[in-house]
N, C-alpha and C. Protein backbone atom coordinates (compact mmCIF):
# COMPACT_ATOMS: atom_id res chain seq x y z
N MET A 1 0.85 -1.18 0.00
CA MET A 1 0.00 0.00 0.00
C MET A 1 0.89 1.24 0.00
N THR A 2 0.45 2.29 -0.66
CA THR A 2 1.26 3.49 -0.79
C THR A 2 0.97 4.49 0.32
N GLN A 3 2.04 5.03 0.89
CA GLN A 3 1.93 6.11 1.85
C GLN A 3 2.66 7.32 1.30
N TYR A 4 2.22 8.52 1.68
CA TYR A 4 2.88 9.73 1.26
C TYR A 4 3.31 10.53 2.47
N ALA A 5 4.63 10.71 2.61
CA ALA A 5 5.13 11.57 3.66
C ALA A 5 4.89 13.01 3.25
N ASP A 6 4.17 13.75 4.06
CA ASP A 6 3.76 15.12 3.73
C ASP A 6 4.93 16.06 3.98
N ILE A 7 5.55 16.51 2.89
CA ILE A 7 6.65 17.48 3.00
C ILE A 7 6.36 18.64 2.04
N ARG A 8 5.17 19.17 2.13
CA ARG A 8 4.69 20.14 1.15
C ARG A 8 5.56 21.39 1.06
N TYR A 9 6.33 21.69 2.11
CA TYR A 9 7.16 22.89 2.07
C TYR A 9 8.62 22.58 1.77
N ALA A 10 8.91 21.32 1.44
CA ALA A 10 10.28 20.91 1.16
C ALA A 10 10.39 20.51 -0.30
N THR A 11 10.26 21.47 -1.18
CA THR A 11 10.18 21.18 -2.61
C THR A 11 11.53 20.80 -3.22
N GLU A 12 12.64 21.00 -2.49
CA GLU A 12 13.95 20.70 -3.05
C GLU A 12 14.41 19.28 -2.77
N ILE A 13 13.68 18.52 -1.99
CA ILE A 13 14.06 17.13 -1.73
C ILE A 13 13.90 16.33 -3.02
N GLU A 14 14.94 15.59 -3.40
CA GLU A 14 14.98 14.96 -4.72
C GLU A 14 13.82 14.01 -4.99
N THR A 15 13.49 13.18 -4.04
CA THR A 15 12.47 12.16 -4.29
C THR A 15 11.04 12.67 -4.10
N SER A 16 10.88 13.93 -3.73
CA SER A 16 9.53 14.45 -3.52
C SER A 16 8.92 14.89 -4.85
N LYS A 17 7.59 14.83 -4.90
CA LYS A 17 6.89 15.25 -6.10
C LYS A 17 5.46 15.58 -5.74
N ARG A 18 4.77 16.25 -6.65
CA ARG A 18 3.37 16.56 -6.45
C ARG A 18 2.56 15.30 -6.68
N GLN A 19 1.78 14.89 -5.68
CA GLN A 19 0.99 13.67 -5.79
C GLN A 19 -0.20 13.73 -4.85
N TYR A 20 -1.19 12.90 -5.15
CA TYR A 20 -2.42 12.93 -4.37
C TYR A 20 -2.21 12.25 -3.02
N SER A 21 -2.75 12.85 -1.96
CA SER A 21 -2.70 12.29 -0.63
C SER A 21 -4.12 12.05 -0.13
N GLY A 22 -4.42 10.78 0.20
CA GLY A 22 -5.74 10.47 0.75
C GLY A 22 -5.93 11.09 2.11
N ASN A 23 -4.83 11.28 2.83
CA ASN A 23 -4.90 11.88 4.16
C ASN A 23 -5.32 13.33 4.09
N GLN A 24 -4.81 14.05 3.07
CA GLN A 24 -5.12 15.47 2.91
C GLN A 24 -6.26 15.70 1.91
N HIS A 25 -6.67 14.61 1.23
CA HIS A 25 -7.74 14.70 0.22
C HIS A 25 -7.41 15.74 -0.85
N GLY A 26 -6.17 15.72 -1.29
CA GLY A 26 -5.75 16.65 -2.32
C GLY A 26 -4.31 16.40 -2.72
N VAL A 27 -3.82 17.17 -3.68
CA VAL A 27 -2.46 17.03 -4.17
C VAL A 27 -1.51 17.80 -3.28
N ILE A 28 -0.43 17.14 -2.84
CA ILE A 28 0.57 17.77 -1.99
C ILE A 28 1.96 17.44 -2.50
N GLN A 29 2.95 18.11 -1.95
CA GLN A 29 4.34 17.74 -2.20
C GLN A 29 4.70 16.65 -1.21
N GLY A 30 5.10 15.49 -1.69
CA GLY A 30 5.36 14.40 -0.76
C GLY A 30 6.26 13.33 -1.34
N ILE A 31 6.63 12.39 -0.48
CA ILE A 31 7.43 11.23 -0.89
C ILE A 31 6.52 10.00 -0.82
N GLY A 32 6.41 9.28 -1.92
CA GLY A 32 5.58 8.09 -1.97
C GLY A 32 6.34 6.89 -1.44
N LEU A 33 5.78 6.23 -0.44
CA LEU A 33 6.40 5.05 0.15
C LEU A 33 5.45 3.87 0.02
N ILE A 34 5.90 2.81 -0.64
CA ILE A 34 5.09 1.61 -0.84
C ILE A 34 5.54 0.56 0.17
N ASN A 35 4.65 0.21 1.07
CA ASN A 35 4.99 -0.72 2.16
C ASN A 35 4.47 -2.12 1.89
N CYS A 36 5.26 -3.11 2.31
CA CYS A 36 4.81 -4.49 2.30
C CYS A 36 4.79 -4.95 3.76
N ILE A 37 3.60 -5.26 4.25
CA ILE A 37 3.42 -5.54 5.68
C ILE A 37 2.97 -6.99 5.87
N TYR A 38 3.64 -7.68 6.76
CA TYR A 38 3.27 -9.06 7.10
C TYR A 38 2.37 -9.03 8.32
N VAL A 39 1.21 -9.66 8.21
CA VAL A 39 0.23 -9.64 9.29
C VAL A 39 0.02 -11.04 9.84
N ASN A 40 0.14 -11.17 11.15
CA ASN A 40 -0.25 -12.41 11.83
C ASN A 40 -1.55 -12.12 12.55
N HIS A 41 -2.67 -12.50 11.94
CA HIS A 41 -3.98 -12.13 12.50
C HIS A 41 -4.30 -12.90 13.78
N GLU A 42 -3.62 -14.03 13.98
CA GLU A 42 -3.91 -14.83 15.18
C GLU A 42 -3.44 -14.14 16.45
N ILE A 43 -2.33 -13.43 16.37
CA ILE A 43 -1.82 -12.72 17.55
C ILE A 43 -2.04 -11.21 17.44
N GLY A 44 -2.60 -10.78 16.31
CA GLY A 44 -2.93 -9.37 16.15
C GLY A 44 -1.73 -8.45 15.99
N LYS A 45 -0.66 -8.95 15.38
CA LYS A 45 0.55 -8.14 15.19
C LYS A 45 0.93 -8.10 13.72
N PHE A 46 1.67 -7.05 13.35
CA PHE A 46 2.14 -6.95 11.98
C PHE A 46 3.51 -6.30 11.94
N TRP A 47 4.26 -6.58 10.87
CA TRP A 47 5.62 -6.10 10.72
C TRP A 47 5.82 -5.60 9.29
N VAL A 48 6.59 -4.52 9.13
CA VAL A 48 6.99 -4.06 7.81
C VAL A 48 8.15 -4.94 7.35
N VAL A 49 7.96 -5.68 6.27
CA VAL A 49 8.99 -6.62 5.82
C VAL A 49 9.69 -6.13 4.55
N ASP A 50 9.16 -5.09 3.92
CA ASP A 50 9.81 -4.53 2.74
C ASP A 50 9.16 -3.19 2.42
N TYR A 51 9.85 -2.36 1.69
CA TYR A 51 9.26 -1.09 1.25
C TYR A 51 10.03 -0.59 0.03
N ARG A 52 9.41 0.31 -0.69
CA ARG A 52 10.02 0.95 -1.85
C ARG A 52 9.62 2.42 -1.87
N ILE A 53 10.52 3.27 -2.34
CA ILE A 53 10.20 4.67 -2.56
C ILE A 53 9.70 4.83 -3.98
N TYR A 54 8.52 5.40 -4.12
CA TYR A 54 7.93 5.60 -5.44
C TYR A 54 8.54 6.83 -6.08
N ASP A 55 9.41 6.61 -7.06
CA ASP A 55 10.15 7.70 -7.69
C ASP A 55 10.29 7.42 -9.19
N PRO A 56 9.16 7.41 -9.92
CA PRO A 56 9.19 7.03 -11.34
C PRO A 56 10.04 7.93 -12.22
N ASP A 57 10.25 9.17 -11.82
CA ASP A 57 11.06 10.07 -12.62
C ASP A 57 12.51 9.62 -12.69
N ARG A 58 12.95 8.86 -11.68
CA ARG A 58 14.35 8.43 -11.63
C ARG A 58 14.55 6.96 -11.98
N ASP A 59 13.61 6.10 -11.57
CA ASP A 59 13.82 4.68 -11.86
C ASP A 59 12.85 4.13 -12.90
N GLY A 60 11.85 4.92 -13.30
CA GLY A 60 10.92 4.50 -14.33
C GLY A 60 9.97 3.39 -13.92
N LYS A 61 9.88 3.10 -12.63
CA LYS A 61 9.06 1.99 -12.16
C LYS A 61 7.69 2.47 -11.69
N THR A 62 6.67 1.68 -12.03
CA THR A 62 5.32 1.96 -11.57
C THR A 62 5.14 1.37 -10.17
N LYS A 63 4.02 1.70 -9.54
CA LYS A 63 3.71 1.10 -8.24
C LYS A 63 3.53 -0.41 -8.37
N ILE A 64 2.94 -0.84 -9.48
CA ILE A 64 2.75 -2.27 -9.71
C ILE A 64 4.10 -2.97 -9.83
N ASP A 65 5.06 -2.32 -10.49
CA ASP A 65 6.41 -2.88 -10.61
C ASP A 65 7.01 -3.10 -9.22
N HIS A 66 6.85 -2.12 -8.36
CA HIS A 66 7.42 -2.23 -7.01
C HIS A 66 6.78 -3.36 -6.21
N VAL A 67 5.45 -3.45 -6.27
CA VAL A 67 4.75 -4.51 -5.53
C VAL A 67 5.17 -5.88 -6.06
N THR A 68 5.27 -6.01 -7.37
CA THR A 68 5.69 -7.28 -7.97
C THR A 68 7.08 -7.67 -7.48
N GLU A 69 8.00 -6.71 -7.45
CA GLU A 69 9.36 -6.98 -6.98
C GLU A 69 9.37 -7.41 -5.52
N MET A 70 8.56 -6.75 -4.69
CA MET A 70 8.54 -7.09 -3.27
C MET A 70 7.98 -8.49 -3.06
N LEU A 71 6.92 -8.83 -3.78
CA LEU A 71 6.34 -10.18 -3.65
C LEU A 71 7.35 -11.23 -4.11
N ARG A 72 8.03 -10.96 -5.21
CA ARG A 72 9.04 -11.90 -5.71
C ARG A 72 10.16 -12.07 -4.67
N ASN A 73 10.54 -10.98 -4.05
CA ASN A 73 11.59 -11.02 -3.04
C ASN A 73 11.16 -11.84 -1.82
N LEU A 74 9.90 -11.69 -1.41
CA LEU A 74 9.40 -12.44 -0.25
C LEU A 74 9.35 -13.94 -0.52
N VAL A 75 8.94 -14.30 -1.74
CA VAL A 75 8.76 -15.72 -2.06
C VAL A 75 10.08 -16.42 -2.36
N TYR A 76 10.95 -15.76 -3.14
CA TYR A 76 12.14 -16.46 -3.65
C TYR A 76 13.43 -16.13 -2.90
N HIS A 77 13.44 -15.05 -2.14
CA HIS A 77 14.68 -14.68 -1.43
C HIS A 77 14.50 -14.75 0.08
N LYS A 78 13.53 -14.05 0.59
CA LYS A 78 13.29 -14.10 2.03
C LYS A 78 12.58 -15.39 2.44
N ILE A 79 11.92 -16.02 1.47
CA ILE A 79 11.19 -17.28 1.68
C ILE A 79 10.28 -17.15 2.91
N LEU A 80 9.50 -16.09 2.91
CA LEU A 80 8.57 -15.83 3.99
C LEU A 80 7.27 -16.60 3.76
N PRO A 81 6.84 -17.42 4.70
CA PRO A 81 5.61 -18.18 4.49
C PRO A 81 4.36 -17.31 4.64
N PHE A 82 3.52 -17.28 3.63
CA PHE A 82 2.25 -16.58 3.71
C PHE A 82 1.30 -17.20 2.70
N LYS A 83 0.00 -17.05 2.94
CA LYS A 83 -1.00 -17.67 2.09
C LYS A 83 -1.73 -16.69 1.19
N ALA A 84 -1.92 -15.47 1.69
CA ALA A 84 -2.77 -14.53 0.97
C ALA A 84 -2.14 -13.14 0.92
N VAL A 85 -2.53 -12.39 -0.09
CA VAL A 85 -2.06 -11.02 -0.27
C VAL A 85 -3.27 -10.10 -0.21
N LEU A 86 -3.20 -9.09 0.64
CA LEU A 86 -4.26 -8.09 0.74
C LEU A 86 -3.79 -6.84 0.03
N ILE A 87 -4.51 -6.41 -0.99
CA ILE A 87 -4.15 -5.22 -1.74
C ILE A 87 -5.36 -4.31 -1.84
N ASP A 88 -5.11 -3.01 -2.01
CA ASP A 88 -6.23 -2.09 -2.11
C ASP A 88 -6.60 -1.86 -3.57
N THR A 89 -7.58 -1.01 -3.79
CA THR A 89 -8.14 -0.80 -5.12
C THR A 89 -7.10 -0.42 -6.16
N TRP A 90 -6.15 0.42 -5.76
CA TRP A 90 -5.14 0.92 -6.69
C TRP A 90 -4.35 -0.22 -7.32
N TYR A 91 -4.12 -1.30 -6.54
CA TYR A 91 -3.29 -2.41 -7.01
C TYR A 91 -4.10 -3.57 -7.56
N ALA A 92 -5.41 -3.42 -7.62
CA ALA A 92 -6.27 -4.51 -8.10
C ALA A 92 -6.29 -4.54 -9.62
N THR A 93 -5.12 -4.72 -10.21
CA THR A 93 -5.00 -4.76 -11.66
C THR A 93 -4.94 -6.20 -12.14
N ASN A 94 -5.33 -6.41 -13.38
CA ASN A 94 -5.26 -7.76 -13.94
C ASN A 94 -3.84 -8.31 -13.89
N LYS A 95 -2.87 -7.47 -14.18
CA LYS A 95 -1.48 -7.90 -14.19
C LYS A 95 -1.04 -8.43 -12.83
N LEU A 96 -1.38 -7.70 -11.77
CA LEU A 96 -0.95 -8.13 -10.45
C LEU A 96 -1.74 -9.34 -9.96
N MET A 97 -3.03 -9.39 -10.29
CA MET A 97 -3.83 -10.55 -9.92
C MET A 97 -3.24 -11.83 -10.53
N LEU A 98 -2.86 -11.76 -11.80
CA LEU A 98 -2.30 -12.92 -12.48
C LEU A 98 -0.95 -13.30 -11.88
N TYR A 99 -0.17 -12.29 -11.50
CA TYR A 99 1.13 -12.60 -10.91
C TYR A 99 0.98 -13.31 -9.56
N ILE A 100 0.05 -12.83 -8.75
CA ILE A 100 -0.18 -13.48 -7.45
C ILE A 100 -0.69 -14.90 -7.66
N ASP A 101 -1.51 -15.10 -8.66
CA ASP A 101 -1.96 -16.45 -9.01
C ASP A 101 -0.76 -17.34 -9.36
N ASP A 102 0.16 -16.80 -10.14
CA ASP A 102 1.34 -17.56 -10.55
C ASP A 102 2.20 -17.95 -9.34
N LEU A 103 2.15 -17.13 -8.29
CA LEU A 103 2.90 -17.44 -7.07
C LEU A 103 2.17 -18.47 -6.20
N LYS A 104 0.99 -18.89 -6.67
CA LYS A 104 0.17 -19.86 -5.93
C LYS A 104 -0.32 -19.29 -4.60
N LYS A 105 -0.61 -17.99 -4.61
CA LYS A 105 -1.16 -17.33 -3.42
C LYS A 105 -2.58 -16.87 -3.71
N TYR A 106 -3.35 -16.70 -2.64
CA TYR A 106 -4.67 -16.12 -2.77
C TYR A 106 -4.55 -14.60 -2.65
N TYR A 107 -5.57 -13.90 -3.10
CA TYR A 107 -5.56 -12.45 -2.89
C TYR A 107 -6.96 -11.96 -2.55
N TYR A 108 -6.98 -10.93 -1.75
CA TYR A 108 -8.20 -10.20 -1.42
C TYR A 108 -8.01 -8.78 -1.92
N CYS A 109 -8.98 -8.25 -2.63
CA CYS A 109 -8.85 -6.86 -3.06
C CYS A 109 -10.23 -6.27 -3.35
N PRO A 110 -10.44 -5.02 -2.99
CA PRO A 110 -11.69 -4.34 -3.37
C PRO A 110 -11.63 -3.96 -4.84
N LEU A 111 -12.74 -4.09 -5.53
CA LEU A 111 -12.83 -3.68 -6.93
C LEU A 111 -13.75 -2.48 -7.05
N LYS A 112 -13.39 -1.57 -7.90
CA LYS A 112 -14.23 -0.40 -8.10
C LYS A 112 -15.58 -0.81 -8.67
N ARG A 113 -16.59 -0.04 -8.33
CA ARG A 113 -17.95 -0.41 -8.71
C ARG A 113 -18.18 -0.34 -10.21
N ASN A 114 -17.28 0.36 -10.96
CA ASN A 114 -17.45 0.43 -12.41
C ASN A 114 -16.61 -0.62 -13.14
N ARG A 115 -15.95 -1.51 -12.40
CA ARG A 115 -15.17 -2.58 -13.02
C ARG A 115 -16.10 -3.51 -13.80
N LEU A 116 -15.73 -3.86 -15.01
CA LEU A 116 -16.57 -4.67 -15.87
C LEU A 116 -16.34 -6.16 -15.61
N VAL A 117 -17.43 -6.87 -15.32
CA VAL A 117 -17.36 -8.30 -14.99
C VAL A 117 -18.53 -9.03 -15.63
N ASP A 118 -18.43 -10.36 -15.63
CA ASP A 118 -19.51 -11.19 -16.16
C ASP A 118 -19.81 -12.32 -15.17
N ASP A 119 -21.05 -12.45 -14.77
CA ASP A 119 -21.44 -13.52 -13.85
C ASP A 119 -22.43 -14.48 -14.52
N THR A 120 -22.46 -14.45 -15.87
CA THR A 120 -23.44 -15.28 -16.59
C THR A 120 -22.77 -16.33 -17.47
N ALA A 121 -21.45 -16.55 -17.29
CA ALA A 121 -20.72 -17.53 -18.11
C ALA A 121 -20.83 -17.19 -19.59
N ALA A 122 -20.64 -15.90 -19.90
CA ALA A 122 -20.61 -15.40 -21.29
C ALA A 122 -21.97 -15.41 -21.96
N GLN A 123 -23.04 -15.59 -21.22
CA GLN A 123 -24.38 -15.54 -21.81
C GLN A 123 -24.85 -14.10 -22.02
N GLU A 124 -24.24 -13.18 -21.27
CA GLU A 124 -24.58 -11.76 -21.42
C GLU A 124 -23.28 -10.96 -21.54
N ASP A 125 -23.42 -9.68 -21.89
CA ASP A 125 -22.26 -8.80 -22.00
C ASP A 125 -21.72 -8.47 -20.61
N TYR A 126 -20.48 -7.99 -20.58
CA TYR A 126 -19.91 -7.53 -19.33
C TYR A 126 -20.72 -6.36 -18.79
N LYS A 127 -20.80 -6.25 -17.48
CA LYS A 127 -21.52 -5.14 -16.86
C LYS A 127 -20.73 -4.63 -15.66
N ARG A 128 -21.05 -3.42 -15.25
CA ARG A 128 -20.40 -2.84 -14.08
C ARG A 128 -20.78 -3.63 -12.82
N ILE A 129 -19.84 -3.75 -11.90
CA ILE A 129 -20.09 -4.50 -10.67
C ILE A 129 -21.32 -3.97 -9.94
N GLU A 130 -21.50 -2.66 -9.94
CA GLU A 130 -22.62 -2.07 -9.21
C GLU A 130 -23.98 -2.47 -9.79
N LEU A 131 -23.99 -3.02 -11.01
CA LEU A 131 -25.25 -3.42 -11.66
C LEU A 131 -25.56 -4.90 -11.49
N LEU A 132 -24.67 -5.63 -10.81
CA LEU A 132 -24.91 -7.06 -10.61
C LEU A 132 -26.09 -7.28 -9.66
N SER A 133 -26.81 -8.35 -9.92
CA SER A 133 -27.89 -8.77 -9.02
C SER A 133 -27.34 -9.81 -8.04
N TRP A 134 -27.81 -9.74 -6.80
CA TRP A 134 -27.32 -10.66 -5.78
C TRP A 134 -28.47 -11.43 -5.16
N HIS A 135 -28.43 -12.75 -5.29
CA HIS A 135 -29.40 -13.59 -4.62
C HIS A 135 -28.99 -13.79 -3.16
N LYS A 136 -29.92 -14.25 -2.37
CA LYS A 136 -29.67 -14.44 -0.95
C LYS A 136 -28.46 -15.33 -0.69
N GLU A 137 -28.36 -16.44 -1.40
CA GLU A 137 -27.26 -17.37 -1.21
C GLU A 137 -25.93 -16.76 -1.66
N GLU A 138 -25.98 -15.93 -2.71
CA GLU A 138 -24.76 -15.27 -3.20
C GLU A 138 -24.26 -14.24 -2.19
N LEU A 139 -25.16 -13.56 -1.52
CA LEU A 139 -24.74 -12.62 -0.48
C LEU A 139 -24.04 -13.34 0.66
N LYS A 140 -24.41 -14.58 0.87
CA LYS A 140 -23.82 -15.38 1.95
C LYS A 140 -22.49 -16.00 1.55
N SER A 141 -22.41 -16.51 0.32
CA SER A 141 -21.23 -17.28 -0.07
C SER A 141 -20.48 -16.72 -1.27
N GLY A 142 -20.99 -15.64 -1.89
CA GLY A 142 -20.30 -15.04 -3.03
C GLY A 142 -20.74 -15.66 -4.35
N LYS A 143 -20.18 -15.12 -5.45
CA LYS A 143 -20.51 -15.64 -6.77
C LYS A 143 -19.23 -15.69 -7.62
N ILE A 144 -19.23 -16.61 -8.59
CA ILE A 144 -18.09 -16.75 -9.50
C ILE A 144 -18.27 -15.77 -10.66
N ILE A 145 -17.23 -15.01 -10.95
CA ILE A 145 -17.29 -14.03 -12.03
C ILE A 145 -16.05 -14.12 -12.91
N LYS A 146 -16.15 -13.50 -14.05
CA LYS A 146 -15.02 -13.33 -14.96
C LYS A 146 -14.79 -11.83 -15.09
N ILE A 147 -13.59 -11.37 -14.77
CA ILE A 147 -13.23 -9.96 -14.90
C ILE A 147 -12.77 -9.71 -16.33
N LYS A 148 -13.25 -8.64 -16.92
CA LYS A 148 -12.90 -8.34 -18.31
C LYS A 148 -11.39 -8.23 -18.50
N LYS A 149 -10.92 -8.85 -19.57
CA LYS A 149 -9.52 -8.87 -20.00
C LYS A 149 -8.65 -9.84 -19.22
N LEU A 150 -9.21 -10.52 -18.22
CA LEU A 150 -8.49 -11.64 -17.64
C LEU A 150 -8.64 -12.83 -18.57
N PRO A 151 -7.69 -13.78 -18.59
CA PRO A 151 -7.83 -14.98 -19.43
C PRO A 151 -9.15 -15.68 -19.16
N GLN A 152 -9.69 -16.32 -20.18
CA GLN A 152 -11.00 -16.93 -20.07
C GLN A 152 -11.07 -17.95 -18.95
N ALA A 153 -9.96 -18.65 -18.71
CA ALA A 153 -9.96 -19.70 -17.69
C ALA A 153 -9.86 -19.14 -16.27
N LYS A 154 -9.56 -17.86 -16.14
CA LYS A 154 -9.39 -17.26 -14.83
C LYS A 154 -10.72 -16.74 -14.28
N LYS A 155 -11.27 -17.47 -13.35
CA LYS A 155 -12.49 -17.03 -12.68
C LYS A 155 -12.15 -16.68 -11.23
N VAL A 156 -12.90 -15.75 -10.66
CA VAL A 156 -12.65 -15.34 -9.29
C VAL A 156 -13.95 -15.37 -8.49
N LYS A 157 -13.81 -15.48 -7.19
CA LYS A 157 -14.97 -15.44 -6.30
C LYS A 157 -15.18 -13.99 -5.86
N LEU A 158 -16.37 -13.51 -6.06
CA LEU A 158 -16.72 -12.15 -5.69
C LEU A 158 -17.65 -12.19 -4.49
N ASN A 159 -17.24 -11.56 -3.40
CA ASN A 159 -18.08 -11.47 -2.21
C ASN A 159 -18.46 -10.03 -1.96
N ARG A 160 -19.72 -9.81 -1.67
CA ARG A 160 -20.16 -8.46 -1.34
C ARG A 160 -20.14 -8.30 0.17
N SER A 161 -19.34 -7.35 0.62
CA SER A 161 -19.17 -7.17 2.06
C SER A 161 -19.87 -5.90 2.50
N ASP A 162 -20.25 -5.85 3.78
CA ASP A 162 -20.93 -4.65 4.28
C ASP A 162 -19.96 -3.67 4.92
N CYS A 163 -18.64 -3.90 4.75
CA CYS A 163 -17.68 -2.91 5.25
C CYS A 163 -17.33 -1.98 4.09
N LEU A 164 -17.47 -0.72 4.31
CA LEU A 164 -17.27 0.26 3.24
C LEU A 164 -15.80 0.49 2.96
N ASP A 165 -15.50 0.73 1.71
CA ASP A 165 -14.16 1.12 1.33
C ASP A 165 -14.04 2.62 1.58
N ARG A 166 -13.27 2.97 2.56
CA ARG A 166 -13.17 4.38 2.95
C ARG A 166 -12.48 5.22 1.87
N GLN A 167 -11.68 4.58 1.04
CA GLN A 167 -10.98 5.30 0.01
C GLN A 167 -11.90 5.70 -1.13
N ASN A 168 -12.80 4.81 -1.50
CA ASN A 168 -13.61 5.04 -2.68
C ASN A 168 -15.09 5.22 -2.40
N GLY A 169 -15.52 4.92 -1.18
CA GLY A 169 -16.89 5.20 -0.80
C GLY A 169 -17.92 4.20 -1.27
N PHE A 170 -17.51 2.99 -1.59
CA PHE A 170 -18.49 1.98 -1.96
C PHE A 170 -18.07 0.63 -1.40
N TYR A 171 -18.94 -0.35 -1.57
CA TYR A 171 -18.71 -1.64 -0.94
C TYR A 171 -17.51 -2.36 -1.53
N ARG A 172 -16.89 -3.14 -0.66
CA ARG A 172 -15.73 -3.93 -1.09
C ARG A 172 -16.20 -5.19 -1.81
N TYR A 173 -15.40 -5.62 -2.74
CA TYR A 173 -15.62 -6.90 -3.41
C TYR A 173 -14.31 -7.67 -3.32
N GLN A 174 -14.37 -8.91 -2.87
CA GLN A 174 -13.15 -9.65 -2.58
C GLN A 174 -13.03 -10.87 -3.48
N ARG A 175 -11.82 -11.23 -3.77
CA ARG A 175 -11.55 -12.44 -4.53
C ARG A 175 -10.93 -13.48 -3.62
N PHE A 176 -11.50 -14.63 -3.57
CA PHE A 176 -10.92 -15.76 -2.84
C PHE A 176 -11.70 -16.97 -3.34
N LEU A 177 -11.25 -17.56 -4.43
CA LEU A 177 -12.05 -18.53 -5.16
C LEU A 177 -12.50 -19.69 -4.29
N SER A 178 -11.66 -20.13 -3.36
CA SER A 178 -12.04 -21.27 -2.53
C SER A 178 -12.77 -20.86 -1.26
N GLN A 179 -13.00 -19.56 -1.12
CA GLN A 179 -13.63 -19.06 0.09
C GLN A 179 -15.13 -18.99 -0.09
N ASP A 180 -15.86 -19.76 0.70
CA ASP A 180 -17.31 -19.84 0.54
C ASP A 180 -18.08 -18.96 1.51
N SER A 181 -17.40 -18.30 2.43
CA SER A 181 -18.09 -17.55 3.45
C SER A 181 -17.78 -16.06 3.37
N THR A 182 -18.84 -15.25 3.20
CA THR A 182 -18.64 -13.81 3.22
C THR A 182 -18.23 -13.35 4.62
N ASP A 183 -18.61 -14.10 5.65
CA ASP A 183 -18.20 -13.76 7.01
C ASP A 183 -16.68 -13.75 7.15
N VAL A 184 -16.02 -14.70 6.50
CA VAL A 184 -14.56 -14.75 6.55
C VAL A 184 -13.97 -13.53 5.84
N VAL A 185 -14.60 -13.14 4.75
CA VAL A 185 -14.14 -11.95 4.03
C VAL A 185 -14.27 -10.71 4.92
N GLN A 186 -15.33 -10.67 5.73
CA GLN A 186 -15.50 -9.56 6.66
C GLN A 186 -14.31 -9.49 7.63
N LYS A 187 -13.86 -10.67 8.08
CA LYS A 187 -12.72 -10.70 9.00
C LYS A 187 -11.46 -10.18 8.31
N VAL A 188 -11.32 -10.48 7.03
CA VAL A 188 -10.17 -9.98 6.29
C VAL A 188 -10.23 -8.46 6.20
N CYS A 189 -11.43 -7.91 6.03
CA CYS A 189 -11.59 -6.45 6.03
C CYS A 189 -11.05 -5.84 7.32
N LYS A 190 -11.33 -6.51 8.43
CA LYS A 190 -10.87 -6.02 9.73
C LYS A 190 -9.36 -6.08 9.84
N VAL A 191 -8.75 -7.16 9.30
CA VAL A 191 -7.30 -7.26 9.30
C VAL A 191 -6.70 -6.13 8.48
N ARG A 192 -7.30 -5.87 7.33
CA ARG A 192 -6.79 -4.81 6.47
C ARG A 192 -6.93 -3.44 7.14
N TRP A 193 -7.96 -3.28 7.95
CA TRP A 193 -8.14 -2.01 8.63
C TRP A 193 -7.02 -1.77 9.64
N LYS A 194 -6.47 -2.85 10.25
CA LYS A 194 -5.33 -2.72 11.14
C LYS A 194 -4.14 -2.12 10.40
N VAL A 195 -3.98 -2.52 9.15
CA VAL A 195 -2.91 -1.97 8.34
C VAL A 195 -3.17 -0.50 8.06
N GLU A 196 -4.43 -0.14 7.82
CA GLU A 196 -4.79 1.26 7.62
C GLU A 196 -4.43 2.08 8.86
N GLU A 197 -4.65 1.52 10.03
CA GLU A 197 -4.32 2.21 11.28
C GLU A 197 -2.81 2.45 11.37
N PHE A 198 -2.04 1.45 10.94
CA PHE A 198 -0.58 1.60 10.93
C PHE A 198 -0.18 2.77 10.04
N HIS A 199 -0.78 2.85 8.85
CA HIS A 199 -0.44 3.92 7.93
C HIS A 199 -0.85 5.28 8.49
N ARG A 200 -1.96 5.31 9.19
CA ARG A 200 -2.40 6.57 9.79
C ARG A 200 -1.40 7.04 10.83
N GLU A 201 -0.90 6.10 11.63
CA GLU A 201 0.12 6.44 12.63
C GLU A 201 1.39 6.92 11.95
N LEU A 202 1.76 6.26 10.85
CA LEU A 202 2.98 6.65 10.13
C LEU A 202 2.86 8.05 9.57
N LYS A 203 1.66 8.39 9.07
CA LYS A 203 1.44 9.74 8.54
C LYS A 203 1.61 10.79 9.63
N GLN A 204 1.11 10.48 10.82
CA GLN A 204 1.21 11.43 11.93
C GLN A 204 2.68 11.66 12.31
N LEU A 205 3.50 10.62 12.18
CA LEU A 205 4.91 10.75 12.50
C LEU A 205 5.67 11.57 11.46
N THR A 206 5.17 11.57 10.22
CA THR A 206 5.91 12.22 9.15
C THR A 206 5.39 13.61 8.81
N VAL A 207 4.26 14.00 9.40
CA VAL A 207 3.73 15.32 9.09
C VAL A 207 4.58 16.41 9.75
């Protein structure tokens, strides 16, 4: 997840640039920091295990490039055991989803309500997530969908959760193909909120 150290009055710092800050709800001068956090939900603790400075003007790397490198480093170099990756809307790209699949990991991520998906097995055209119909059983256990531009064989489980995405203002949708319980997805939302709290504390330290 990306954090921005607010240094709006320090325009001469090399790695700083004008960028949007969710904390300030506007564009500020800041340093983009992409954190990789390991969470042990059983004991309620988490650790920063990797990070990258977002500086595309100098290294030409996107945020997705940085996240991909960190995941590769965790799996093949640090050999850190983990089962799932929690990412926010910004990183919920087809490219990153496929990469996490290739690593044989699960992922949870909120999808924007205008993301085009199909829940009819190609019987109908793609439609925006917000236009999907949900039956009682689907609200409980989720539904299988195909996200536009993902390979045809790649299906994901979509769960509608009642925890709001504070960043985008709409409901979260999670992918976990083998996960049959929306209740479990709710618990994942709570774990992810712990990470949000960490970032909030970090922002307070850097302001």
